[in-house]
Amino acid sequence: MTTDFPAMRALSISSADAFILVYDVTDATTFDEVRMIRDQIHETKATTAVPIVVVGNKIDLLLENEDLREVEYATTESVVTVDWENGFVEVSAARNENITQLLPRMESRTDKRQNQFKS
């Protein structure tokens, strides 16, 4: 999604049932954008009971130089899974690493939200 088309973003959010929010582990500003989009999702949906998986991408860039990491794994995982109660995974799209974890994590988030409404 892009900030150039706020009406399109709002329409996309209002019509979607689940979200995968991706940031670049080597660029902290992209995690800030994920935080803003997550807040917009909750505002648009008027609930925090929305299935969301947050994905840190580009971990392949860290193989040769861990110093490139701007978004610290442990803190981010804690914020996303404990504070936000969302799914979390780090991946490398370029190397197809951990990509297969996305669908099960999204299904888990969706199942948890559906069970909330059945109770």
N, C-alpha and C. Protein backbone atom coordinates (compact mmCIF):
# COMPACT_ATOMS: atom_id res chain seq x y z
N MET A 1 0.84 -1.18 0.00
CA MET A 1 0.00 0.00 0.00
C MET A 1 0.88 1.23 0.00
N THR A 2 0.33 2.28 -0.48
CA THR A 2 1.13 3.49 -0.57
C THR A 2 0.42 4.68 0.04
N THR A 3 1.18 5.61 0.55
CA THR A 3 0.59 6.81 1.14
C THR A 3 0.12 7.78 0.07
N ASP A 4 0.42 7.50 -1.20
CA ASP A 4 0.00 8.37 -2.28
C ASP A 4 -1.50 8.26 -2.57
N PHE A 5 -2.12 7.17 -2.12
CA PHE A 5 -3.52 6.93 -2.41
C PHE A 5 -4.27 6.56 -1.14
N PRO A 6 -4.49 7.52 -0.22
CA PRO A 6 -5.12 7.20 1.06
C PRO A 6 -6.54 6.64 0.91
N ALA A 7 -7.29 7.09 -0.05
CA ALA A 7 -8.65 6.57 -0.24
C ALA A 7 -8.60 5.12 -0.67
N MET A 8 -7.64 4.78 -1.53
CA MET A 8 -7.49 3.39 -1.98
C MET A 8 -7.07 2.51 -0.80
N ARG A 9 -6.18 3.01 0.05
CA ARG A 9 -5.76 2.26 1.22
C ARG A 9 -6.94 2.00 2.14
N ALA A 10 -7.72 3.04 2.42
CA ALA A 10 -8.89 2.89 3.31
C ALA A 10 -9.89 1.89 2.73
N LEU A 11 -10.12 1.93 1.43
CA LEU A 11 -11.02 0.98 0.79
C LEU A 11 -10.47 -0.44 0.89
N SER A 12 -9.19 -0.60 0.65
CA SER A 12 -8.55 -1.92 0.76
C SER A 12 -8.67 -2.46 2.17
N ILE A 13 -8.42 -1.62 3.15
CA ILE A 13 -8.52 -2.05 4.55
C ILE A 13 -9.94 -2.43 4.90
N SER A 14 -10.90 -1.63 4.50
CA SER A 14 -12.29 -1.91 4.88
C SER A 14 -12.82 -3.18 4.23
N SER A 15 -12.29 -3.55 3.08
CA SER A 15 -12.79 -4.74 2.39
C SER A 15 -12.00 -6.02 2.70
N ALA A 16 -10.86 -5.90 3.36
CA ALA A 16 -10.03 -7.08 3.65
C ALA A 16 -10.41 -7.70 4.98
N ASP A 17 -10.17 -9.01 5.09
CA ASP A 17 -10.46 -9.73 6.33
C ASP A 17 -9.20 -10.02 7.14
N ALA A 18 -8.04 -10.00 6.50
CA ALA A 18 -6.77 -10.31 7.16
C ALA A 18 -5.66 -9.53 6.45
N PHE A 19 -4.54 -9.35 7.17
CA PHE A 19 -3.48 -8.50 6.66
C PHE A 19 -2.10 -9.09 6.92
N ILE A 20 -1.22 -8.96 5.94
CA ILE A 20 0.20 -9.25 6.09
C ILE A 20 0.92 -7.92 5.89
N LEU A 21 1.58 -7.46 6.93
CA LEU A 21 2.29 -6.19 6.89
C LEU A 21 3.79 -6.47 6.85
N VAL A 22 4.47 -5.97 5.83
CA VAL A 22 5.87 -6.30 5.59
C VAL A 22 6.74 -5.06 5.79
N TYR A 23 7.86 -5.26 6.52
CA TYR A 23 8.85 -4.20 6.67
C TYR A 23 10.22 -4.77 6.33
N ASP A 24 11.17 -3.88 6.13
CA ASP A 24 12.55 -4.22 5.78
C ASP A 24 13.38 -4.20 7.07
N VAL A 25 13.98 -5.33 7.45
CA VAL A 25 14.75 -5.39 8.70
C VAL A 25 15.95 -4.46 8.70
N THR A 26 16.34 -3.96 7.52
CA THR A 26 17.49 -3.05 7.43
C THR A 26 17.07 -1.58 7.34
N ASP A 27 15.78 -1.30 7.57
CA ASP A 27 15.28 0.07 7.46
C ASP A 27 14.19 0.29 8.51
N ALA A 28 14.55 0.92 9.62
CA ALA A 28 13.62 1.11 10.74
C ALA A 28 12.40 1.93 10.36
N THR A 29 12.53 2.81 9.39
CA THR A 29 11.37 3.63 9.00
C THR A 29 10.25 2.77 8.42
N THR A 30 10.60 1.62 7.85
CA THR A 30 9.56 0.75 7.29
C THR A 30 8.76 0.08 8.40
N PHE A 31 9.38 -0.19 9.56
CA PHE A 31 8.62 -0.72 10.69
C PHE A 31 7.70 0.35 11.26
N ASP A 32 8.14 1.59 11.26
CA ASP A 32 7.27 2.70 11.68
C ASP A 32 6.04 2.77 10.79
N GLU A 33 6.24 2.55 9.51
CA GLU A 33 5.11 2.55 8.56
C GLU A 33 4.16 1.40 8.86
N VAL A 34 4.71 0.23 9.18
CA VAL A 34 3.86 -0.92 9.56
C VAL A 34 3.02 -0.55 10.78
N ARG A 35 3.63 0.09 11.76
CA ARG A 35 2.91 0.51 12.97
C ARG A 35 1.75 1.45 12.61
N MET A 36 2.01 2.40 11.72
CA MET A 36 0.96 3.34 11.31
C MET A 36 -0.17 2.63 10.55
N ILE A 37 0.20 1.71 9.67
CA ILE A 37 -0.81 0.97 8.91
C ILE A 37 -1.63 0.10 9.85
N ARG A 38 -0.98 -0.56 10.81
CA ARG A 38 -1.70 -1.37 11.80
C ARG A 38 -2.72 -0.51 12.56
N ASP A 39 -2.29 0.67 12.98
CA ASP A 39 -3.21 1.58 13.68
C ASP A 39 -4.37 1.97 12.78
N GLN A 40 -4.08 2.22 11.50
CA GLN A 40 -5.14 2.58 10.56
C GLN A 40 -6.11 1.41 10.35
N ILE A 41 -5.60 0.20 10.33
CA ILE A 41 -6.46 -0.98 10.20
C ILE A 41 -7.42 -1.04 11.38
N HIS A 42 -6.90 -0.88 12.60
CA HIS A 42 -7.76 -0.93 13.79
C HIS A 42 -8.78 0.19 13.78
N GLU A 43 -8.37 1.36 13.35
CA GLU A 43 -9.29 2.50 13.28
C GLU A 43 -10.38 2.27 12.23
N THR A 44 -9.99 1.82 11.05
CA THR A 44 -10.94 1.59 9.97
C THR A 44 -11.91 0.47 10.31
N LYS A 45 -11.38 -0.60 10.90
CA LYS A 45 -12.20 -1.77 11.25
C LYS A 45 -12.98 -1.55 12.55
N ALA A 46 -12.61 -0.52 13.31
CA ALA A 46 -13.23 -0.21 14.61
C ALA A 46 -13.10 -1.39 15.58
N THR A 47 -12.00 -2.12 15.48
CA THR A 47 -11.71 -3.23 16.37
C THR A 47 -10.24 -3.58 16.27
N THR A 48 -9.73 -4.20 17.33
CA THR A 48 -8.36 -4.73 17.28
C THR A 48 -8.37 -6.22 16.98
N ALA A 49 -9.55 -6.79 16.87
CA ALA A 49 -9.69 -8.23 16.59
C ALA A 49 -9.60 -8.48 15.09
N VAL A 50 -8.43 -8.18 14.53
CA VAL A 50 -8.19 -8.33 13.10
C VAL A 50 -6.97 -9.22 12.92
N PRO A 51 -7.07 -10.28 12.11
CA PRO A 51 -5.90 -11.13 11.88
C PRO A 51 -4.80 -10.38 11.12
N ILE A 52 -3.64 -10.26 11.78
CA ILE A 52 -2.49 -9.56 11.19
C ILE A 52 -1.24 -10.39 11.44
N VAL A 53 -0.43 -10.54 10.41
CA VAL A 53 0.91 -11.11 10.55
C VAL A 53 1.89 -10.04 10.10
N VAL A 54 2.87 -9.75 10.95
CA VAL A 54 3.90 -8.78 10.63
C VAL A 54 5.14 -9.55 10.17
N VAL A 55 5.68 -9.14 9.02
CA VAL A 55 6.78 -9.87 8.39
C VAL A 55 7.98 -8.95 8.22
N GLY A 56 9.09 -9.37 8.82
CA GLY A 56 10.37 -8.69 8.59
C GLY A 56 11.05 -9.34 7.40
N ASN A 57 11.30 -8.58 6.36
CA ASN A 57 11.88 -9.12 5.13
C ASN A 57 13.35 -8.71 5.00
N LYS A 58 14.05 -9.35 4.10
CA LYS A 58 15.44 -9.07 3.71
C LYS A 58 16.47 -9.59 4.72
N ILE A 59 16.13 -10.68 5.42
CA ILE A 59 17.11 -11.22 6.35
C ILE A 59 18.34 -11.77 5.64
N ASP A 60 18.24 -12.01 4.34
CA ASP A 60 19.40 -12.47 3.57
C ASP A 60 20.51 -11.42 3.57
N LEU A 61 20.16 -10.16 3.68
CA LEU A 61 21.17 -9.10 3.69
C LEU A 61 22.01 -9.13 4.97
N LEU A 62 21.49 -9.80 6.01
CA LEU A 62 22.18 -9.85 7.29
C LEU A 62 23.23 -10.96 7.34
N LEU A 63 23.19 -11.88 6.37
CA LEU A 63 24.12 -13.01 6.38
C LEU A 63 25.58 -12.56 6.33
N GLU A 64 25.84 -11.55 5.55
CA GLU A 64 27.21 -11.06 5.42
C GLU A 64 27.52 -9.92 6.38
N ASN A 65 26.48 -9.22 6.83
CA ASN A 65 26.72 -8.07 7.70
C ASN A 65 25.52 -7.83 8.61
N GLU A 66 25.57 -8.40 9.80
CA GLU A 66 24.48 -8.25 10.79
C GLU A 66 24.31 -6.78 11.20
N ASP A 67 25.34 -5.98 11.01
CA ASP A 67 25.26 -4.56 11.37
C ASP A 67 24.25 -3.80 10.52
N LEU A 68 23.82 -4.39 9.42
CA LEU A 68 22.81 -3.74 8.58
C LEU A 68 21.43 -3.72 9.25
N ARG A 69 21.23 -4.61 10.24
CA ARG A 69 19.93 -4.69 10.90
C ARG A 69 19.63 -3.40 11.66
N GLU A 70 18.47 -2.80 11.34
CA GLU A 70 18.00 -1.62 12.04
C GLU A 70 16.79 -1.92 12.93
N VAL A 71 16.14 -3.05 12.68
CA VAL A 71 14.97 -3.43 13.46
C VAL A 71 15.34 -4.70 14.22
N GLU A 72 15.56 -4.56 15.54
CA GLU A 72 16.07 -5.65 16.37
C GLU A 72 15.03 -6.75 16.53
N TYR A 73 15.46 -8.00 16.33
CA TYR A 73 14.54 -9.14 16.29
C TYR A 73 13.78 -9.33 17.60
N ALA A 74 14.47 -9.48 18.72
CA ALA A 74 13.82 -9.85 19.98
C ALA A 74 12.80 -8.81 20.42
N THR A 75 13.16 -7.55 20.34
CA THR A 75 12.24 -6.48 20.74
C THR A 75 11.03 -6.45 19.82
N THR A 76 11.27 -6.56 18.53
CA THR A 76 10.17 -6.52 17.56
C THR A 76 9.25 -7.71 17.74
N GLU A 77 9.82 -8.90 17.92
CA GLU A 77 8.99 -10.08 18.14
C GLU A 77 8.12 -9.91 19.37
N SER A 78 8.68 -9.37 20.44
CA SER A 78 7.93 -9.15 21.67
C SER A 78 6.80 -8.13 21.47
N VAL A 79 7.11 -7.03 20.83
CA VAL A 79 6.09 -6.01 20.57
C VAL A 79 4.96 -6.58 19.73
N VAL A 80 5.32 -7.27 18.67
CA VAL A 80 4.31 -7.77 17.73
C VAL A 80 3.48 -8.90 18.34
N THR A 81 4.13 -9.87 18.97
CA THR A 81 3.39 -11.04 19.46
C THR A 81 2.75 -10.84 20.82
N VAL A 82 3.40 -10.08 21.71
CA VAL A 82 2.87 -9.90 23.07
C VAL A 82 2.01 -8.64 23.16
N ASP A 83 2.59 -7.49 22.82
CA ASP A 83 1.85 -6.23 22.95
C ASP A 83 0.71 -6.12 21.93
N TRP A 84 1.02 -6.43 20.68
CA TRP A 84 0.01 -6.29 19.63
C TRP A 84 -0.85 -7.54 19.47
N GLU A 85 -0.35 -8.68 19.94
CA GLU A 85 -1.02 -9.97 19.78
C GLU A 85 -1.24 -10.33 18.31
N ASN A 86 -0.20 -10.09 17.52
CA ASN A 86 -0.21 -10.42 16.09
C ASN A 86 0.82 -11.51 15.82
N GLY A 87 0.73 -12.15 14.65
CA GLY A 87 1.73 -13.11 14.24
C GLY A 87 2.98 -12.39 13.77
N PHE A 88 4.12 -13.09 13.82
CA PHE A 88 5.39 -12.48 13.44
C PHE A 88 6.31 -13.53 12.84
N VAL A 89 7.01 -13.15 11.78
CA VAL A 89 8.03 -14.00 11.18
C VAL A 89 9.01 -13.11 10.42
N GLU A 90 10.28 -13.54 10.39
CA GLU A 90 11.25 -12.87 9.54
C GLU A 90 11.54 -13.77 8.35
N VAL A 91 11.69 -13.18 7.17
CA VAL A 91 11.85 -13.94 5.95
C VAL A 91 12.90 -13.31 5.03
N SER A 92 13.25 -14.08 4.02
CA SER A 92 14.00 -13.56 2.89
C SER A 92 13.21 -13.94 1.65
N ALA A 93 12.55 -12.98 1.06
CA ALA A 93 11.82 -13.25 -0.18
C ALA A 93 12.80 -13.63 -1.29
N ALA A 94 13.96 -13.00 -1.30
CA ALA A 94 14.96 -13.27 -2.33
C ALA A 94 15.45 -14.71 -2.29
N ARG A 95 15.58 -15.26 -1.08
CA ARG A 95 16.08 -16.63 -0.91
C ARG A 95 14.97 -17.64 -0.61
N ASN A 96 13.74 -17.16 -0.61
CA ASN A 96 12.57 -18.01 -0.32
C ASN A 96 12.68 -18.65 1.07
N GLU A 97 13.24 -17.91 2.01
CA GLU A 97 13.48 -18.42 3.36
C GLU A 97 12.33 -18.03 4.29
N ASN A 98 11.74 -19.02 4.94
CA ASN A 98 10.63 -18.87 5.89
C ASN A 98 9.32 -18.43 5.24
N ILE A 99 9.27 -18.35 3.94
CA ILE A 99 8.05 -17.93 3.25
C ILE A 99 6.90 -18.89 3.55
N THR A 100 7.21 -20.17 3.67
CA THR A 100 6.15 -21.15 3.92
C THR A 100 5.54 -21.00 5.31
N GLN A 101 6.14 -20.22 6.19
CA GLN A 101 5.59 -19.98 7.52
C GLN A 101 4.46 -18.95 7.51
N LEU A 102 4.35 -18.19 6.43
CA LEU A 102 3.35 -17.12 6.39
C LEU A 102 1.92 -17.64 6.45
N LEU A 103 1.58 -18.59 5.61
CA LEU A 103 0.20 -19.08 5.56
C LEU A 103 -0.22 -19.72 6.88
N PRO A 104 0.57 -20.62 7.47
CA PRO A 104 0.16 -21.18 8.76
C PRO A 104 0.00 -20.10 9.85
N ARG A 105 0.85 -19.11 9.85
CA ARG A 105 0.73 -18.03 10.85
C ARG A 105 -0.54 -17.23 10.63
N MET A 106 -0.87 -16.97 9.36
CA MET A 106 -2.10 -16.23 9.07
C MET A 106 -3.31 -17.08 9.44
N GLU A 107 -3.27 -18.36 9.12
CA GLU A 107 -4.38 -19.24 9.49
C GLU A 107 -4.56 -19.28 11.00
N SER A 108 -3.47 -19.31 11.73
CA SER A 108 -3.53 -19.32 13.19
C SER A 108 -4.18 -18.04 13.70
N ARG A 109 -3.80 -16.89 13.14
CA ARG A 109 -4.38 -15.60 13.56
C ARG A 109 -5.86 -15.57 13.22
N THR A 110 -6.24 -16.07 12.04
CA THR A 110 -7.63 -16.06 11.61
C THR A 110 -8.45 -16.98 12.50
N ASP A 111 -7.94 -18.17 12.81
CA ASP A 111 -8.65 -19.11 13.68
C ASP A 111 -8.87 -18.52 15.07
N LYS A 112 -7.86 -17.86 15.62
CA LYS A 112 -7.99 -17.26 16.95
C LYS A 112 -9.07 -16.19 16.96
N ARG A 113 -9.11 -15.37 15.93
CA ARG A 113 -10.12 -14.31 15.86
C ARG A 113 -11.51 -14.90 15.68
N GLN A 114 -11.66 -15.92 14.87
CA GLN A 114 -12.97 -16.55 14.67
C GLN A 114 -13.46 -17.19 15.96
N ASN A 115 -12.58 -17.82 16.71
CA ASN A 115 -12.96 -18.44 17.97
C ASN A 115 -13.38 -17.41 19.00
N GLN A 116 -12.80 -16.21 18.94
CA GLN A 116 -13.19 -15.12 19.83
C GLN A 116 -14.66 -14.78 19.66
N PHE A 117 -15.13 -14.78 18.44
CA PHE A 117 -16.49 -14.38 18.14
C PHE A 117 -17.49 -15.51 18.38
N LYS A 118 -17.04 -16.75 18.46
CA LYS A 118 -17.93 -17.87 18.72
C LYS A 118 -18.26 -18.00 20.18
N SER A 119 -17.38 -17.50 21.05
CA SER A 119 -17.56 -17.65 22.49
C SER A 119 -18.72 -16.81 23.00
